[in-house]
C-alpha atoms as a PDB file:
ATOM      1  CA  MET A   1      53.202  49.145 121.653  1.00  0.00           C
ATOM      2  CA  ASP A   2      50.481  51.442 120.223  1.00  0.00           C
ATOM      3  CA  ASN A   3      47.513  49.373 121.356  1.00  0.00           C
ATOM      4  CA  PRO A   4      44.264  51.416 121.267  1.00  0.00           C
ATOM      5  CA  ARG A   5      42.846  49.287 124.101  1.00  0.00           C
ATOM      6  CA  ASN A   6      45.385  50.849 126.494  1.00  0.00           C
ATOM      7  CA  VAL A   7      44.457  54.495 125.848  1.00  0.00           C
ATOM      8  CA  HIS A   8      42.828  54.792 129.283  1.00  0.00           C
ATOM      9  CA  LEU A   9      46.004  53.641 131.112  1.00  0.00           C
ATOM     10  CA  ARG A  10      48.164  56.481 132.426  1.00  0.00           C
ATOM     11  CA  MET A  11      51.805  56.401 131.276  1.00  0.00           C
ATOM     12  CA  ARG A  12      51.044  53.323 129.168  1.00  0.00           C
ATOM     13  CA  GLY A  13      48.541  54.754 126.668  1.00  0.00           C
ATOM     14  CA  SER A  14      48.591  54.409 122.908  1.00  0.00           C
ATOM     15  CA  THR A  15      51.988  56.136 122.846  1.00  0.00           C
ATOM     16  CA  PRO A  16      53.769  55.263 126.096  1.00  0.00           C
ATOM     17  CA  PRO A  17      56.715  57.277 127.409  1.00  0.00           C
ATOM     18  CA  ASN A  18      60.213  56.646 126.063  1.00  0.00           C
ATOM     19  CA  VAL A  19      58.886  55.863 122.593  1.00  0.00           C
ATOM     20  CA  TYR A  20      59.695  59.310 121.166  1.00  0.00           C
ATOM     21  CA  ASN A  21      62.306  61.932 121.932  1.00  0.00           C
ATOM     22  CA  LEU A  22      60.691  65.367 121.784  1.00  0.00           C
ATOM     23  CA  THR A  23      62.957  68.011 120.244  1.00  0.00           C
ATOM     24  CA  LEU A  24      62.317  71.474 118.877  1.00  0.00           C
ATOM     25  CA  ARG A  25      62.602  71.730 115.104  1.00  0.00           C
ATOM     26  CA  GLU A  26      65.767  73.389 113.910  1.00  0.00           C
ATOM     27  CA  ARG A  27      63.846  76.008 111.926  1.00  0.00           C
ATOM     28  CA  MET A  28      60.442  77.604 112.127  1.00  0.00           C
ATOM     29  CA  PHE A  29      57.633  75.599 110.489  1.00  0.00           C
ATOM     30  CA  HIS A  30      55.206  77.969 108.766  1.00  0.00           C
ATOM     31  CA  GLY A  31      56.379  80.675 111.157  1.00  0.00           C
ATOM     32  CA  VAL A  32      55.793  78.615 114.313  1.00  0.00           C
ATOM     33  CA  ARG A  33      58.192  76.825 116.665  1.00  0.00           C
ATOM     34  CA  THR A  34      57.177  73.172 116.621  1.00  0.00           C
ATOM     35  CA  ILE A  35      58.145  69.938 118.322  1.00  0.00           C
ATOM     36  CA  ARG A  36      59.546  67.016 116.367  1.00  0.00           C
ATOM     37  CA  LEU A  37      58.748  63.455 117.475  1.00  0.00           C
ATOM     38  CA  ASN A  38      61.859  61.333 116.925  1.00  0.00           C
ATOM     39  CA  PRO A  39      61.485  57.583 117.496  1.00  0.00           C
ATOM     40  CA  VAL A  40      63.826  56.286 120.184  1.00  0.00           C
ATOM     41  CA  ASP A  41      66.619  54.282 118.530  1.00  0.00           C
ATOM     42  CA  GLY A  42      64.714  54.324 115.225  1.00  0.00           C
ATOM     43  CA  ALA A  43      62.642  51.367 116.454  1.00  0.00           C
ATOM     44  CA  ASN A  44      59.409  52.760 115.036  1.00  0.00           C
ATOM     45  CA  LEU A  45      60.762  53.817 111.658  1.00  0.00           C
ATOM     46  CA  GLY A  46      59.146  50.932 109.792  1.00  0.00           C
ATOM     47  CA  MET A  47      55.768  51.593 111.396  1.00  0.00           C
ATOM     48  CA  ALA A  48      56.048  55.316 110.676  1.00  0.00           C
ATOM     49  CA  VAL A  49      56.737  54.615 107.003  1.00  0.00           C
ATOM     50  CA  LEU A  50      53.872  52.126 106.826  1.00  0.00           C
ATOM     51  CA  VAL A  51      51.431  54.561 108.445  1.00  0.00           C
ATOM     52  CA  SER A  52      52.443  57.394 106.134  1.00  0.00           C
ATOM     53  CA  VAL A  53      52.105  55.205 103.029  1.00  0.00           C
ATOM     54  CA  VAL A  54      48.707  53.842 104.087  1.00  0.00           C
ATOM     55  CA  HIS A  55      47.517  57.371 104.932  1.00  0.00           C
ATOM     56  CA  SER A  56      48.714  58.753 101.584  1.00  0.00           C
ATOM     57  CA  VAL A  57      47.077  55.953  99.599  1.00  0.00           C
ATOM     58  CA  ALA A  58      43.809  56.305 101.535  1.00  0.00           C
ATOM     59  CA  MET A  59      43.707  60.074 100.969  1.00  0.00           C
ATOM     60  CA  MET A  60      44.437  59.693  97.239  1.00  0.00           C
ATOM     61  CA  MET A  61      41.716  57.060  96.904  1.00  0.00           C
ATOM     62  CA  ALA A  62      39.185  59.178  98.817  1.00  0.00           C
ATOM     63  CA  GLY A  63      40.016  62.272  96.753  1.00  0.00           C
ATOM     64  CA  GLY A  64      39.894  60.346  93.490  1.00  0.00           C
ATOM     65  CA  PHE A  65      36.596  58.720  94.388  1.00  0.00           C
ATOM     66  CA  SER A  66      35.103  62.080  95.371  1.00  0.00           C
ATOM     67  CA  ALA A  67      36.299  63.612  92.100  1.00  0.00           C
ATOM     68  CA  TRP A  68      34.830  60.710  90.140  1.00  0.00           C
ATOM     69  CA  LEU A  69      31.470  61.091  91.934  1.00  0.00           C
ATOM     70  CA  VAL A  70      31.312  64.804  91.114  1.00  0.00           C
ATOM     71  CA  TYR A  71      32.275  64.143  87.481  1.00  0.00           C
ATOM     72  CA  ARG A  72      29.854  61.218  87.119  1.00  0.00           C
ATOM     73  CA  TYR A  73      26.767  62.713  88.743  1.00  0.00           C
ATOM     74  CA  LEU A  74      27.192  66.465  88.428  1.00  0.00           C
ATOM     75  CA  GLY A  75      29.348  66.817  85.315  1.00  0.00           C
ATOM     76  CA  LEU A  76      31.997  69.291  84.279  1.00  0.00           C
ATOM     77  CA  LYS A  77      29.527  72.148  83.779  1.00  0.00           C
ATOM     78  CA  PHE A  78      28.652  72.053  87.461  1.00  0.00           C
ATOM     79  CA  VAL A  79      32.317  72.137  88.446  1.00  0.00           C
ATOM     80  CA  SER A  80      33.116  75.045  86.142  1.00  0.00           C
ATOM     81  CA  ARG A  81      30.083  77.066  87.341  1.00  0.00           C
ATOM     82  CA  SER A  82      30.495  76.372  91.036  1.00  0.00           C
ATOM     83  CA  TRP A  83      34.265  76.748  91.370  1.00  0.00           C
ATOM     84  CA  PHE A  84      35.425  78.447  94.562  1.00  0.00           C
ATOM     85  CA  ASN A  85      38.618  80.019  95.852  1.00  0.00           C
ATOM     86  CA  LEU A  86      40.467  77.238  97.652  1.00  0.00           C
ATOM     87  CA  ASP A  87      42.988  79.639  99.227  1.00  0.00           C
ATOM     88  CA  THR A  88      40.207  81.552 100.947  1.00  0.00           C
ATOM     89  CA  THR A  89      38.534  78.322 102.051  1.00  0.00           C
ATOM     90  CA  TRP A  90      41.766  77.061 103.660  1.00  0.00           C
ATOM     91  CA  ALA A  91      42.424  80.418 105.344  1.00  0.00           C
ATOM     92  CA  VAL A  92      38.910  80.559 106.806  1.00  0.00           C
ATOM     93  CA  SER A  93      39.080  76.952 108.010  1.00  0.00           C
ATOM     94  CA  LEU A  94      42.451  77.524 109.704  1.00  0.00           C
ATOM     95  CA  VAL A  95      41.165  80.647 111.458  1.00  0.00           C
ATOM     96  CA  LEU A  96      38.038  78.792 112.632  1.00  0.00           C
ATOM     97  CA  VAL A  97      40.037  75.808 113.926  1.00  0.00           C
ATOM     98  CA  GLY A  98      42.432  78.167 115.710  1.00  0.00           C
ATOM     99  CA  ALA A  99      39.559  80.053 117.318  1.00  0.00           C
ATOM    100  CA  LEU A 100      37.898  76.783 118.359  1.00  0.00           C
ATOM    101  CA  SER A 101      41.169  75.503 119.857  1.00  0.00           C
ATOM    102  CA  LEU A 102      41.650  78.733 121.774  1.00  0.00           C
ATOM    103  CA  ALA A 103      38.078  78.603 123.070  1.00  0.00           C
ATOM    104  CA  ILE A 104      38.539  75.001 124.254  1.00  0.00           C
ATOM    105  CA  ILE A 105      41.827  75.841 125.998  1.00  0.00           C
ATOM    106  CA  LEU A 106      40.303  78.868 127.720  1.00  0.00           C
ATOM    107  CA  ALA A 107      37.235  76.887 128.757  1.00  0.00           C
ATOM    108  CA  ASN A 108      39.413  74.158 130.324  1.00  0.00           C
ATOM    109  CA  GLU A 109      41.406  76.665 132.385  1.00  0.00           C
ATOM    110  CA  HIS A 110      38.366  77.634 134.454  1.00  0.00           C
END
């Protein structure tokens, strides 16, 4: 069904039509109206669970490995001296991604 070799095929791409029902979320998500992808007849529930588990494990392993590398090669003194405000970093990155998305959308309209 989600075969990456078919991405170039219209209406049969990696996620063909009639695989998901698109519905608006019942409530706002972080202040934004969003669309929920609901698998048709629950057929893709097993794959969705598998993908989310594999993604979670991969992210935990990557984060743990990165933390180990910093601890092993730079030490705790480096971490304590070079600590940064993660809230500000996330806010700046979200603003930059939003601005980039807006620029791409505006560029494609012309």
